[in-house]
N, C-alpha and C. Protein backbone atom coordinates (compact mmCIF):
# COMPACT_ATOMS: atom_id res chain seq x y z
N MET A 1 -16.17 0.29 8.56
CA MET A 1 -15.84 1.50 7.83
C MET A 1 -14.38 1.85 8.09
N LEU A 2 -13.67 2.18 7.03
CA LEU A 2 -12.25 2.52 7.14
C LEU A 2 -12.06 4.02 7.30
N SER A 3 -11.05 4.38 8.07
CA SER A 3 -10.66 5.78 8.17
C SER A 3 -9.13 5.86 8.12
N ILE A 4 -8.66 6.97 7.58
CA ILE A 4 -7.23 7.24 7.48
C ILE A 4 -6.96 8.47 8.33
N ARG A 5 -5.92 8.40 9.15
CA ARG A 5 -5.59 9.52 10.04
C ARG A 5 -4.08 9.61 10.20
N HIS A 6 -3.63 10.72 10.78
CA HIS A 6 -2.21 10.88 11.11
C HIS A 6 -1.79 9.78 12.09
N MET A 7 -0.57 9.32 11.95
CA MET A 7 0.00 8.39 12.92
C MET A 7 0.27 9.16 14.21
N SER A 8 0.31 8.44 15.33
CA SER A 8 0.66 9.05 16.61
C SER A 8 1.51 8.06 17.41
N GLU A 9 2.07 8.53 18.48
CA GLU A 9 2.89 7.68 19.35
C GLU A 9 2.08 6.47 19.84
N LYS A 10 0.78 6.63 20.01
CA LYS A 10 -0.04 5.52 20.51
C LYS A 10 -0.12 4.37 19.51
N ASP A 11 0.30 4.60 18.27
CA ASP A 11 0.29 3.55 17.26
C ASP A 11 1.51 2.63 17.35
N LEU A 12 2.47 2.97 18.21
CA LEU A 12 3.71 2.20 18.26
C LEU A 12 3.45 0.73 18.59
N GLY A 13 2.61 0.42 19.55
CA GLY A 13 2.34 -0.97 19.93
C GLY A 13 1.75 -1.79 18.78
N PRO A 14 0.63 -1.35 18.21
CA PRO A 14 0.07 -2.13 17.11
C PRO A 14 0.94 -2.13 15.86
N LEU A 15 1.68 -1.04 15.62
CA LEU A 15 2.58 -0.99 14.47
C LEU A 15 3.73 -1.99 14.67
N THR A 16 4.23 -2.10 15.90
CA THR A 16 5.28 -3.06 16.20
C THR A 16 4.81 -4.48 15.92
N ALA A 17 3.61 -4.81 16.36
CA ALA A 17 3.06 -6.15 16.10
C ALA A 17 2.89 -6.39 14.60
N LEU A 18 2.40 -5.39 13.88
CA LEU A 18 2.19 -5.52 12.44
C LEU A 18 3.50 -5.79 11.71
N LEU A 19 4.52 -4.97 12.00
CA LEU A 19 5.77 -5.05 11.26
C LEU A 19 6.69 -6.18 11.73
N ALA A 20 6.33 -6.84 12.82
CA ALA A 20 7.06 -8.02 13.28
C ALA A 20 6.47 -9.31 12.71
N ASP A 21 5.31 -9.20 12.09
CA ASP A 21 4.59 -10.37 11.57
C ASP A 21 5.22 -10.82 10.24
N GLU A 22 5.74 -12.04 10.21
CA GLU A 22 6.39 -12.55 9.00
C GLU A 22 5.45 -12.61 7.81
N ARG A 23 4.17 -12.87 8.04
CA ARG A 23 3.21 -12.91 6.92
C ARG A 23 3.05 -11.54 6.30
N VAL A 24 3.00 -10.51 7.11
CA VAL A 24 2.86 -9.14 6.63
C VAL A 24 4.11 -8.71 5.86
N MET A 25 5.26 -9.08 6.36
CA MET A 25 6.52 -8.59 5.81
C MET A 25 7.07 -9.46 4.67
N ARG A 26 6.40 -10.53 4.35
CA ARG A 26 6.90 -11.50 3.37
C ARG A 26 7.41 -10.86 2.08
N TYR A 27 6.69 -9.90 1.53
CA TYR A 27 7.07 -9.29 0.26
C TYR A 27 7.71 -7.91 0.43
N LEU A 28 7.96 -7.52 1.67
CA LEU A 28 8.50 -6.19 1.93
C LEU A 28 9.98 -6.25 2.29
N GLU A 29 10.27 -6.70 3.47
CA GLU A 29 11.64 -6.85 3.95
C GLU A 29 11.58 -7.70 5.21
N ALA A 30 12.71 -7.91 5.85
CA ALA A 30 12.73 -8.72 7.07
C ALA A 30 11.84 -8.07 8.13
N PRO A 31 11.18 -8.88 8.96
CA PRO A 31 10.38 -8.30 10.04
C PRO A 31 11.19 -7.31 10.87
N PHE A 32 10.50 -6.28 11.34
CA PHE A 32 11.15 -5.21 12.09
C PHE A 32 11.27 -5.58 13.57
N SER A 33 12.35 -5.13 14.18
CA SER A 33 12.49 -5.19 15.63
C SER A 33 11.67 -4.04 16.22
N PRO A 34 11.41 -4.07 17.52
CA PRO A 34 10.73 -2.93 18.14
C PRO A 34 11.48 -1.61 17.93
N GLU A 35 12.81 -1.65 17.99
CA GLU A 35 13.61 -0.44 17.80
C GLU A 35 13.49 0.08 16.37
N ARG A 36 13.52 -0.82 15.42
CA ARG A 36 13.39 -0.43 14.01
C ARG A 36 12.00 0.16 13.77
N THR A 37 10.98 -0.43 14.38
CA THR A 37 9.62 0.09 14.21
C THR A 37 9.50 1.49 14.80
N GLN A 38 10.11 1.70 15.95
CA GLN A 38 10.06 3.03 16.58
C GLN A 38 10.72 4.07 15.67
N ALA A 39 11.85 3.72 15.09
CA ALA A 39 12.53 4.64 14.17
C ALA A 39 11.69 4.88 12.92
N PHE A 40 11.08 3.82 12.39
CA PHE A 40 10.23 3.95 11.21
C PHE A 40 9.04 4.86 11.49
N LEU A 41 8.41 4.70 12.63
CA LEU A 41 7.28 5.56 13.00
C LEU A 41 7.73 7.02 13.03
N ALA A 42 8.86 7.29 13.64
CA ALA A 42 9.36 8.67 13.73
C ALA A 42 9.70 9.23 12.35
N GLU A 43 10.39 8.42 11.54
CA GLU A 43 10.88 8.88 10.24
C GLU A 43 9.81 8.97 9.16
N ALA A 44 8.79 8.11 9.24
CA ALA A 44 7.80 8.05 8.16
C ALA A 44 6.40 8.47 8.58
N GLY A 45 6.06 8.31 9.84
CA GLY A 45 4.71 8.59 10.27
C GLY A 45 4.53 9.87 11.06
N LEU A 46 5.55 10.25 11.80
CA LEU A 46 5.44 11.43 12.65
C LEU A 46 6.15 12.64 12.06
N CYS A 47 6.71 12.48 10.87
CA CYS A 47 7.38 13.58 10.18
C CYS A 47 6.34 14.48 9.52
N GLU A 48 6.80 15.59 8.98
CA GLU A 48 5.90 16.51 8.29
C GLU A 48 6.48 16.84 6.94
N PRO A 49 5.84 16.56 5.85
CA PRO A 49 4.58 15.83 5.79
C PRO A 49 4.82 14.34 5.99
N PRO A 50 3.83 13.63 6.50
CA PRO A 50 4.00 12.20 6.72
C PRO A 50 4.11 11.43 5.40
N LEU A 51 4.82 10.31 5.46
CA LEU A 51 4.93 9.41 4.32
C LEU A 51 3.92 8.27 4.43
N ILE A 52 3.52 7.98 5.67
CA ILE A 52 2.53 6.95 5.94
C ILE A 52 1.45 7.50 6.86
N TRP A 53 0.27 6.89 6.78
CA TRP A 53 -0.89 7.31 7.55
C TRP A 53 -1.54 6.07 8.16
N ALA A 54 -2.02 6.17 9.38
CA ALA A 54 -2.68 5.05 10.05
C ALA A 54 -4.03 4.76 9.40
N VAL A 55 -4.39 3.48 9.38
CA VAL A 55 -5.71 3.05 8.91
C VAL A 55 -6.41 2.37 10.08
N GLU A 56 -7.67 2.74 10.27
CA GLU A 56 -8.49 2.11 11.30
C GLU A 56 -9.75 1.56 10.67
N ASP A 57 -10.22 0.45 11.25
CA ASP A 57 -11.55 -0.06 10.92
C ASP A 57 -12.35 -0.06 12.22
N ASP A 58 -13.47 -0.75 12.25
CA ASP A 58 -14.31 -0.75 13.44
C ASP A 58 -13.61 -1.34 14.67
N ASP A 59 -12.57 -2.13 14.44
CA ASP A 59 -11.83 -2.75 15.54
C ASP A 59 -10.56 -2.00 15.91
N GLY A 60 -10.33 -0.82 15.33
CA GLY A 60 -9.17 -0.01 15.65
C GLY A 60 -8.08 -0.08 14.60
N PHE A 61 -6.85 0.19 15.01
CA PHE A 61 -5.70 0.22 14.11
C PHE A 61 -5.61 -1.10 13.36
N CYS A 62 -5.51 -1.01 12.03
CA CYS A 62 -5.40 -2.25 11.24
C CYS A 62 -4.29 -2.17 10.21
N GLY A 63 -3.48 -1.11 10.24
CA GLY A 63 -2.38 -1.01 9.31
C GLY A 63 -2.09 0.43 8.95
N TYR A 64 -1.45 0.59 7.80
CA TYR A 64 -1.16 1.95 7.35
C TYR A 64 -1.17 2.01 5.84
N VAL A 65 -1.32 3.23 5.35
CA VAL A 65 -1.21 3.48 3.91
C VAL A 65 0.00 4.35 3.66
N ILE A 66 0.52 4.20 2.46
CA ILE A 66 1.64 5.00 1.97
C ILE A 66 1.05 6.06 1.05
N TYR A 67 1.43 7.30 1.26
CA TYR A 67 0.96 8.38 0.39
C TYR A 67 1.99 9.51 0.45
N HIS A 68 2.80 9.59 -0.58
CA HIS A 68 3.82 10.64 -0.65
C HIS A 68 4.28 10.78 -2.10
N ALA A 69 5.01 11.82 -2.37
CA ALA A 69 5.50 12.07 -3.72
C ALA A 69 6.41 10.93 -4.17
N PHE A 70 6.19 10.46 -5.38
CA PHE A 70 7.03 9.44 -6.01
C PHE A 70 8.03 10.13 -6.93
N ASP A 71 7.53 11.07 -7.71
CA ASP A 71 8.33 11.92 -8.58
C ASP A 71 7.55 13.21 -8.78
N GLU A 72 8.00 14.06 -9.67
CA GLU A 72 7.34 15.38 -9.82
C GLU A 72 5.92 15.29 -10.35
N ARG A 73 5.52 14.18 -10.95
CA ARG A 73 4.17 14.09 -11.51
C ARG A 73 3.29 13.04 -10.84
N SER A 74 3.83 12.33 -9.83
CA SER A 74 3.11 11.19 -9.28
C SER A 74 3.20 11.11 -7.76
N MET A 75 2.16 10.52 -7.18
CA MET A 75 2.14 10.18 -5.77
C MET A 75 2.24 8.66 -5.65
N GLU A 76 3.11 8.21 -4.75
CA GLU A 76 3.16 6.78 -4.46
C GLU A 76 2.09 6.45 -3.44
N ILE A 77 1.35 5.39 -3.72
CA ILE A 77 0.34 4.92 -2.78
C ILE A 77 0.61 3.46 -2.49
N GLY A 78 0.11 3.00 -1.37
CA GLY A 78 0.27 1.60 -1.00
C GLY A 78 -0.40 1.34 0.33
N TRP A 79 -0.29 0.13 0.80
CA TRP A 79 -0.94 -0.27 2.03
C TRP A 79 -0.17 -1.42 2.65
N VAL A 80 -0.19 -1.47 3.97
CA VAL A 80 0.33 -2.59 4.75
C VAL A 80 -0.74 -2.85 5.81
N LEU A 81 -1.38 -3.99 5.68
CA LEU A 81 -2.57 -4.27 6.50
C LEU A 81 -2.41 -5.54 7.32
N ALA A 82 -3.04 -5.55 8.48
CA ALA A 82 -3.01 -6.71 9.36
C ALA A 82 -3.72 -7.90 8.71
N PRO A 83 -3.21 -9.11 8.93
CA PRO A 83 -3.83 -10.29 8.34
C PRO A 83 -5.33 -10.44 8.63
N ARG A 84 -5.79 -9.94 9.77
CA ARG A 84 -7.22 -10.05 10.09
C ARG A 84 -8.10 -9.32 9.08
N THR A 85 -7.49 -8.42 8.31
CA THR A 85 -8.26 -7.63 7.34
C THR A 85 -8.19 -8.19 5.92
N TRP A 86 -7.29 -9.13 5.69
CA TRP A 86 -7.08 -9.64 4.34
C TRP A 86 -8.35 -10.29 3.79
N GLY A 87 -8.62 -10.04 2.54
CA GLY A 87 -9.80 -10.62 1.89
C GLY A 87 -11.08 -9.85 2.10
N ARG A 88 -11.02 -8.71 2.74
CA ARG A 88 -12.21 -7.89 3.02
C ARG A 88 -12.38 -6.72 2.06
N GLY A 89 -11.48 -6.58 1.09
CA GLY A 89 -11.58 -5.48 0.14
C GLY A 89 -10.96 -4.18 0.62
N TYR A 90 -10.28 -4.21 1.75
CA TYR A 90 -9.68 -2.98 2.28
C TYR A 90 -8.65 -2.40 1.33
N ALA A 91 -7.77 -3.24 0.79
CA ALA A 91 -6.72 -2.74 -0.10
C ALA A 91 -7.33 -2.07 -1.33
N THR A 92 -8.36 -2.67 -1.88
CA THR A 92 -9.03 -2.09 -3.05
C THR A 92 -9.67 -0.75 -2.70
N GLU A 93 -10.35 -0.70 -1.57
CA GLU A 93 -10.99 0.55 -1.13
C GLU A 93 -9.94 1.65 -0.90
N LEU A 94 -8.86 1.30 -0.22
CA LEU A 94 -7.83 2.30 0.07
C LEU A 94 -7.13 2.76 -1.21
N THR A 95 -6.91 1.84 -2.14
CA THR A 95 -6.29 2.20 -3.41
C THR A 95 -7.15 3.22 -4.16
N GLY A 96 -8.44 2.98 -4.21
CA GLY A 96 -9.35 3.92 -4.86
C GLY A 96 -9.34 5.28 -4.20
N LEU A 97 -9.37 5.32 -2.87
CA LEU A 97 -9.36 6.59 -2.14
C LEU A 97 -8.07 7.37 -2.39
N LEU A 98 -6.94 6.69 -2.30
CA LEU A 98 -5.66 7.37 -2.45
C LEU A 98 -5.41 7.80 -3.89
N ALA A 99 -5.81 6.97 -4.85
CA ALA A 99 -5.66 7.36 -6.26
C ALA A 99 -6.53 8.58 -6.55
N ALA A 100 -7.73 8.62 -6.01
CA ALA A 100 -8.62 9.77 -6.21
C ALA A 100 -8.00 11.03 -5.59
N ARG A 101 -7.37 10.88 -4.43
CA ARG A 101 -6.72 12.02 -3.77
C ARG A 101 -5.58 12.55 -4.64
N ALA A 102 -4.77 11.64 -5.19
CA ALA A 102 -3.68 12.06 -6.08
C ALA A 102 -4.24 12.75 -7.32
N HIS A 103 -5.26 12.16 -7.90
CA HIS A 103 -5.83 12.70 -9.14
C HIS A 103 -6.48 14.06 -8.92
N ALA A 104 -6.99 14.29 -7.71
CA ALA A 104 -7.60 15.59 -7.40
C ALA A 104 -6.57 16.72 -7.45
N THR A 105 -5.30 16.36 -7.31
CA THR A 105 -4.23 17.36 -7.41
C THR A 105 -3.54 17.31 -8.77
N GLY A 106 -4.12 16.55 -9.72
CA GLY A 106 -3.58 16.47 -11.06
C GLY A 106 -2.38 15.55 -11.21
N ARG A 107 -2.18 14.67 -10.24
CA ARG A 107 -1.02 13.79 -10.26
C ARG A 107 -1.43 12.34 -10.54
N ASP A 108 -0.52 11.60 -11.16
CA ASP A 108 -0.70 10.17 -11.33
C ASP A 108 -0.57 9.49 -9.96
N ALA A 109 -1.04 8.26 -9.89
CA ALA A 109 -0.84 7.41 -8.71
C ALA A 109 0.05 6.25 -9.13
N VAL A 110 0.99 5.91 -8.27
CA VAL A 110 1.95 4.84 -8.54
C VAL A 110 1.95 3.87 -7.37
N ILE A 111 1.98 2.59 -7.69
CA ILE A 111 2.14 1.54 -6.69
C ILE A 111 3.40 0.77 -7.04
N GLU A 112 4.26 0.56 -6.05
CA GLU A 112 5.42 -0.30 -6.22
C GLU A 112 5.15 -1.59 -5.47
N CYS A 113 5.44 -2.74 -6.12
CA CYS A 113 5.29 -4.00 -5.42
C CYS A 113 6.26 -5.04 -5.96
N SER A 114 6.51 -6.03 -5.13
CA SER A 114 7.36 -7.14 -5.53
C SER A 114 6.71 -7.86 -6.71
N PRO A 115 7.48 -8.24 -7.72
CA PRO A 115 6.91 -8.97 -8.85
C PRO A 115 6.23 -10.28 -8.42
N SER A 116 6.65 -10.84 -7.28
CA SER A 116 6.06 -12.10 -6.82
C SER A 116 4.84 -11.91 -5.92
N HIS A 117 4.47 -10.68 -5.64
CA HIS A 117 3.31 -10.44 -4.77
C HIS A 117 2.04 -10.32 -5.62
N ALA A 118 1.49 -11.46 -5.96
CA ALA A 118 0.34 -11.52 -6.87
C ALA A 118 -0.88 -10.78 -6.32
N ALA A 119 -1.12 -10.84 -5.02
CA ALA A 119 -2.32 -10.19 -4.45
C ALA A 119 -2.25 -8.67 -4.63
N SER A 120 -1.11 -8.07 -4.36
CA SER A 120 -0.99 -6.62 -4.53
C SER A 120 -1.13 -6.23 -5.99
N ARG A 121 -0.53 -7.00 -6.85
CA ARG A 121 -0.63 -6.71 -8.28
C ARG A 121 -2.08 -6.82 -8.76
N ARG A 122 -2.79 -7.83 -8.25
CA ARG A 122 -4.21 -8.01 -8.61
C ARG A 122 -5.03 -6.80 -8.18
N VAL A 123 -4.81 -6.32 -6.97
CA VAL A 123 -5.53 -5.13 -6.48
C VAL A 123 -5.24 -3.95 -7.39
N ALA A 124 -3.97 -3.72 -7.68
CA ALA A 124 -3.58 -2.59 -8.53
C ALA A 124 -4.25 -2.68 -9.90
N GLU A 125 -4.18 -3.84 -10.51
CA GLU A 125 -4.76 -4.00 -11.85
C GLU A 125 -6.28 -3.90 -11.81
N LYS A 126 -6.90 -4.40 -10.75
CA LYS A 126 -8.35 -4.27 -10.60
C LYS A 126 -8.76 -2.80 -10.56
N CYS A 127 -7.89 -1.97 -10.01
CA CYS A 127 -8.16 -0.53 -9.89
C CYS A 127 -7.70 0.25 -11.12
N GLY A 128 -7.24 -0.44 -12.16
CA GLY A 128 -6.88 0.22 -13.40
C GLY A 128 -5.42 0.55 -13.58
N PHE A 129 -4.56 0.19 -12.65
CA PHE A 129 -3.14 0.44 -12.77
C PHE A 129 -2.54 -0.50 -13.80
N ILE A 130 -1.53 0.00 -14.52
CA ILE A 130 -0.82 -0.84 -15.48
C ILE A 130 0.68 -0.79 -15.16
N VAL A 131 1.36 -1.87 -15.46
CA VAL A 131 2.80 -1.92 -15.22
C VAL A 131 3.47 -0.93 -16.16
N SER A 132 4.29 -0.05 -15.57
CA SER A 132 4.99 0.95 -16.38
C SER A 132 6.50 0.78 -16.33
N GLY A 133 6.97 -0.23 -15.61
CA GLY A 133 8.41 -0.47 -15.54
C GLY A 133 8.80 -1.09 -14.22
N THR A 134 10.08 -0.99 -13.91
CA THR A 134 10.60 -1.48 -12.64
C THR A 134 11.50 -0.42 -12.04
N ARG A 135 11.68 -0.52 -10.73
CA ARG A 135 12.58 0.38 -10.00
C ARG A 135 13.05 -0.38 -8.76
N ASP A 136 14.34 -0.51 -8.61
CA ASP A 136 14.91 -1.22 -7.45
C ASP A 136 14.31 -2.62 -7.31
N ASP A 137 14.18 -3.33 -8.42
CA ASP A 137 13.65 -4.70 -8.46
C ASP A 137 12.17 -4.80 -8.09
N LEU A 138 11.46 -3.69 -8.09
CA LEU A 138 10.02 -3.68 -7.82
C LEU A 138 9.28 -3.31 -9.10
N LEU A 139 8.08 -3.87 -9.26
CA LEU A 139 7.21 -3.43 -10.34
C LEU A 139 6.68 -2.05 -10.02
N VAL A 140 6.60 -1.21 -11.02
CA VAL A 140 5.98 0.10 -10.87
C VAL A 140 4.70 0.07 -11.70
N LEU A 141 3.58 0.21 -11.02
CA LEU A 141 2.27 0.24 -11.67
C LEU A 141 1.73 1.65 -11.57
N ARG A 142 1.17 2.15 -12.64
CA ARG A 142 0.77 3.57 -12.72
C ARG A 142 -0.68 3.70 -13.16
N LEU A 143 -1.36 4.67 -12.56
CA LEU A 143 -2.69 5.07 -13.00
C LEU A 143 -2.61 6.56 -13.29
N GLY A 144 -2.79 6.93 -14.55
CA GLY A 144 -2.69 8.33 -14.96
C GLY A 144 -3.76 9.18 -14.33
N ALA A 145 -3.47 10.46 -14.19
CA ALA A 145 -4.39 11.39 -13.54
C ALA A 145 -5.70 11.53 -14.31
N SER A 146 -5.68 11.23 -15.61
CA SER A 146 -6.92 11.32 -16.37
C SER A 146 -7.77 10.07 -16.27
N ALA A 147 -7.22 9.01 -15.65
CA ALA A 147 -7.97 7.75 -15.49
C ALA A 147 -8.84 7.83 -14.24
N THR A 148 -9.90 7.06 -14.23
CA THR A 148 -10.77 6.99 -13.06
C THR A 148 -10.52 5.68 -12.33
N PRO A 149 -10.14 5.73 -11.05
CA PRO A 149 -9.88 4.49 -10.32
C PRO A 149 -11.16 3.68 -10.11
């Protein structure tokens, strides 16, 4: 069972391992150093309101989700998950939960992903998102607030 919670300082160790993993970072950016991860946790996870939230499964911390304003009508959602979770449907489940949360406030849900990241695009499209353009060389996929994830 998955749960989403606020990030905390205790997440620094597993977050450092996650963001240093070349497989995880392949479509994002260069793997993070421990110092970069510590700054990212402070800037994105421990801020108010948070931009990212920790995800746990039965084995503990397994990644994080992105949930923050994209523009005045949309919330950006996303996920960065440990390889041990890949293929288990976690991304699809989290996408549905976060899109529903955005829609409950009358906002669209948006996912940004690398055009070459087929797995993320597949998850988004499976959940009803459609490509609505590009931004900073990333695909922007959108699910309108009137759509059901």
